[in-house]
Protein backbone atom coordinates (compact mmCIF):
# COMPACT_ATOMS: atom_id res chain seq x y z
CA UNK A 1 27.09 4.54 -4.30
CA UNK A 2 26.34 1.38 -6.29
CA UNK A 3 23.58 1.64 -8.93
CA UNK A 4 22.42 -0.31 -11.99
CA UNK A 5 22.22 1.38 -15.42
CA UNK A 6 18.87 2.99 -16.19
CA UNK A 7 17.18 4.66 -19.21
CA UNK A 8 16.33 8.25 -18.22
CA UNK A 9 16.22 7.10 -14.61
CA UNK A 10 13.48 8.09 -12.11
CA UNK A 11 14.13 11.00 -9.74
CA UNK A 12 14.55 8.70 -6.81
CA UNK A 13 17.52 6.89 -8.62
CA UNK A 14 18.99 10.36 -9.37
CA UNK A 15 18.70 11.42 -5.76
CA UNK A 16 20.90 8.58 -4.76
CA UNK A 17 23.32 9.28 -7.67
CA UNK A 18 23.34 12.97 -7.03
CA UNK A 19 24.18 12.70 -3.27
CA UNK A 20 27.30 10.47 -3.87
CA UNK A 21 30.76 11.80 -4.59
CA UNK A 22 31.37 8.65 -6.77
CA UNK A 23 28.99 6.21 -8.37
CA UNK A 24 29.86 2.69 -9.26
CA UNK A 25 27.63 1.53 -12.08
CA UNK A 26 26.89 -2.24 -12.16
CA UNK A 27 28.60 -3.39 -15.31
CA UNK A 28 28.75 -7.08 -14.54
CA UNK A 29 25.15 -8.01 -13.69
CA UNK A 30 22.74 -9.93 -15.93
CA UNK A 31 19.81 -8.03 -17.63
CA UNK A 32 16.68 -7.92 -15.42
CA UNK A 33 13.38 -7.83 -17.05
CA UNK A 34 10.72 -5.30 -15.82
CA UNK A 35 13.38 -2.82 -14.52
CA UNK A 36 14.33 0.80 -15.35
CA UNK A 37 17.25 -0.47 -17.34
CA UNK A 38 15.37 -0.07 -20.65
CA UNK A 39 12.22 1.78 -19.45
CA UNK A 40 11.35 5.24 -18.14
CA UNK A 41 8.22 7.04 -17.16
CA UNK A 42 7.41 10.63 -18.35
CA UNK A 43 4.43 12.96 -17.75
CA UNK A 44 2.18 12.52 -20.85
CA UNK A 45 -0.90 14.66 -21.44
CA UNK A 46 -3.03 11.92 -20.02
CA UNK A 47 -0.88 10.97 -17.02
CA UNK A 48 2.19 8.83 -16.62
CA UNK A 49 3.47 7.41 -19.87
CA UNK A 50 5.99 4.39 -20.04
CA UNK A 51 8.60 4.47 -22.73
CA UNK A 52 10.42 1.19 -23.32
CA UNK A 53 13.43 0.53 -25.44
CA UNK A 54 12.93 -2.76 -27.37
CA UNK A 55 15.78 -5.28 -27.00
CA UNK A 56 17.07 -7.99 -29.44
CA UNK A 57 15.52 -11.42 -28.98
CA UNK A 58 17.19 -13.41 -26.18
CA UNK A 59 16.96 -10.47 -23.75
CA UNK A 60 15.46 -12.79 -21.08
CA UNK A 61 18.34 -15.32 -21.31
CA UNK A 62 20.35 -13.85 -18.53
CA UNK A 63 22.70 -11.88 -20.75
CA UNK A 64 25.28 -9.70 -19.09
CA UNK A 65 24.07 -6.11 -19.09
CA UNK A 66 26.86 -4.97 -21.39
CA UNK A 67 25.90 -7.49 -24.02
CA UNK A 68 22.26 -6.58 -24.23
CA UNK A 69 21.54 -5.18 -27.70
CA UNK A 70 18.96 -2.69 -28.80
CA UNK A 71 16.38 -3.75 -31.38
CA UNK A 72 15.52 -1.51 -34.26
CA UNK A 73 12.76 -3.58 -35.82
CA UNK A 74 10.29 -0.86 -34.79
CA UNK A 75 10.82 2.92 -35.03
CA UNK A 76 11.05 3.22 -31.21
CA UNK A 77 13.43 6.26 -31.38
CA UNK A 78 11.01 8.21 -33.47
CA UNK A 79 8.15 7.19 -31.21
CA UNK A 80 10.06 8.02 -28.00
CA UNK A 81 11.09 11.41 -29.47
CA UNK A 82 7.52 12.19 -30.51
CA UNK A 83 6.35 11.28 -27.00
CA UNK A 84 9.01 13.46 -25.39
CA UNK A 85 8.07 16.44 -27.61
CA UNK A 86 4.38 15.98 -26.83
CA UNK A 87 5.11 15.80 -23.05
CA UNK A 88 7.71 18.56 -22.78
CA UNK A 89 7.28 20.79 -25.82
CA UNK A 90 5.64 23.46 -23.66
CA UNK A 91 7.96 22.91 -20.67
CA UNK A 92 9.96 25.91 -19.65
CA UNK A 93 13.35 24.41 -20.58
CA UNK A 94 12.50 22.19 -23.51
CA UNK A 95 13.98 24.64 -26.04
CA UNK A 96 17.26 24.91 -24.02
CA UNK A 97 17.89 21.12 -24.40
CA UNK A 98 16.16 19.89 -27.50
CA UNK A 99 18.99 20.45 -29.89
CA UNK A 100 21.37 18.17 -27.76
CA UNK A 101 18.77 15.67 -26.71
CA UNK A 102 17.26 14.88 -30.12
CA UNK A 103 20.46 13.26 -31.53
CA UNK A 104 20.09 10.43 -28.84
CA UNK A 105 16.90 9.53 -30.83
CA UNK A 106 18.59 9.55 -34.20
CA UNK A 107 21.93 7.85 -33.51
CA UNK A 108 21.88 3.99 -33.53
CA UNK A 109 23.50 2.54 -30.42
CA UNK A 110 24.24 -1.23 -30.53
CA UNK A 111 24.15 -1.82 -26.78
CA UNK A 112 21.67 -0.64 -24.13
CA UNK A 113 24.46 -0.03 -21.58
CA UNK A 114 26.29 2.31 -23.87
CA UNK A 115 23.10 4.26 -24.78
CA UNK A 116 22.13 4.57 -21.17
CA UNK A 117 25.58 5.76 -20.07
CA UNK A 118 25.93 8.34 -22.82
CA UNK A 119 22.50 9.71 -22.13
CA UNK A 120 23.05 9.75 -18.42
CA UNK A 121 26.38 11.49 -18.69
CA UNK A 122 24.82 14.20 -20.88
CA UNK A 123 21.84 14.82 -18.63
CA UNK A 124 23.43 14.49 -15.09
CA UNK A 125 27.03 15.61 -15.74
CA UNK A 126 26.92 18.01 -18.64
CA UNK A 127 23.43 19.60 -18.16
CA UNK A 128 22.81 19.34 -14.36
CA UNK A 129 26.57 19.71 -13.34
CA UNK A 130 27.08 16.66 -11.10
CA UNK A 131 30.65 16.86 -9.93
CA UNK A 132 31.21 13.22 -8.97
CA UNK A 133 33.05 10.41 -10.68
CA UNK A 134 31.54 7.38 -12.40
CA UNK A 135 33.20 3.99 -12.19
CA UNK A 136 32.24 0.52 -13.22
CA UNK A 137 32.15 -2.69 -11.28
CA UNK A 138 34.68 -5.28 -12.24
CA UNK A 139 32.66 -8.21 -10.99
CA UNK A 140 28.96 -8.60 -10.01
CA UNK A 141 28.08 -6.93 -6.65
CA UNK A 142 24.74 -7.37 -4.99
CA UNK A 143 22.52 -4.40 -4.81
CA UNK A 144 22.83 -2.10 -1.89
CA UNK A 145 19.43 -0.71 -0.70
CA UNK A 146 18.94 2.87 -1.97
CA UNK A 147 18.28 5.71 0.29
CA UNK A 148 14.67 6.68 0.26
CA UNK A 149 14.34 9.92 -1.66
CA UNK A 150 12.34 12.75 -0.24
CA UNK A 151 9.25 13.85 -2.07
CA UNK A 152 10.73 16.20 -4.66
CA UNK A 153 8.14 18.58 -5.89
CA UNK A 154 8.41 21.13 -8.73
CA UNK A 155 5.90 22.54 -11.25
CA UNK A 156 5.04 20.00 -14.00
CA UNK A 157 3.63 20.64 -17.47
CA UNK A 158 0.38 18.77 -17.00
CA UNK A 159 0.02 19.22 -13.24
CA UNK A 160 -3.34 21.16 -13.48
CA UNK A 161 -4.84 18.25 -15.34
CA UNK A 162 -3.13 15.24 -13.76
CA UNK A 163 -2.00 16.52 -10.41
CA UNK A 164 1.69 16.19 -9.38
CA UNK A 165 3.20 12.92 -10.67
CA UNK A 166 6.02 11.84 -8.35
CA UNK A 167 9.22 9.98 -9.23
CA UNK A 168 9.04 10.35 -13.04
CA UNK A 169 12.12 10.35 -15.11
CA UNK A 170 14.77 12.91 -14.30
CA UNK A 171 14.04 14.17 -17.82
CA UNK A 172 10.81 15.54 -16.44
CA UNK A 173 12.79 17.47 -13.69
CA UNK A 174 15.29 18.86 -16.20
CA UNK A 175 12.53 20.06 -18.64
CA UNK A 176 10.55 21.61 -15.91
CA UNK A 177 13.04 22.98 -13.59
CA UNK A 178 16.29 23.24 -15.78
CA UNK A 179 19.60 23.20 -14.09
CA UNK A 180 18.10 24.37 -10.81
CA UNK A 181 16.64 20.81 -10.57
CA UNK A 182 19.96 19.78 -9.14
CA UNK A 183 19.19 21.74 -6.00
CA UNK A 184 16.12 19.67 -5.55
CA UNK A 185 18.16 16.43 -5.64
CA UNK A 186 20.46 17.33 -2.81
CA UNK A 187 19.86 16.37 0.83
CA UNK A 188 19.08 19.98 1.56
CA UNK A 189 16.73 20.51 -1.33
CA UNK A 190 13.08 21.22 -1.19
CA UNK A 191 10.84 18.31 -0.13
């Protein structure tokens, strides 16, 4: 499976990741504006909420993805963490993961690729127990169309108020379903 890097990727991205024995992350592409590389969507109290990591000026100048730097002119980490706590503070599994997740919003990472990789490894490998292998491309490879993920449903924190919000960040799945969320990502999981 060949995938681009993503910040707390959507469940559909994770479905493709999860159902591969090895994932090759695109490490040689140029940054693409308006993608999940530096954005994610969580379930806020008033509906879907977009979180975006600010990037150092020049982000639109076709920089190689591994050279894209995170900007710290604004307190984005504090804002993202506050949004995550508001969204998932009452989720069934928030208390299980908060102590390990919070440091990602305190430590300064220079590069977006490194931040995404470390966060993804924590979430999908350490917490959800993916057993595959991650590799990196050695040269740019054109994207391969992703498999269409089934509609993965699970109880969400604000579902009574906003209805079920599909294809949010995998963080939503982890906070609401815990490690059992990995069963929902398999080909044989609930749809």
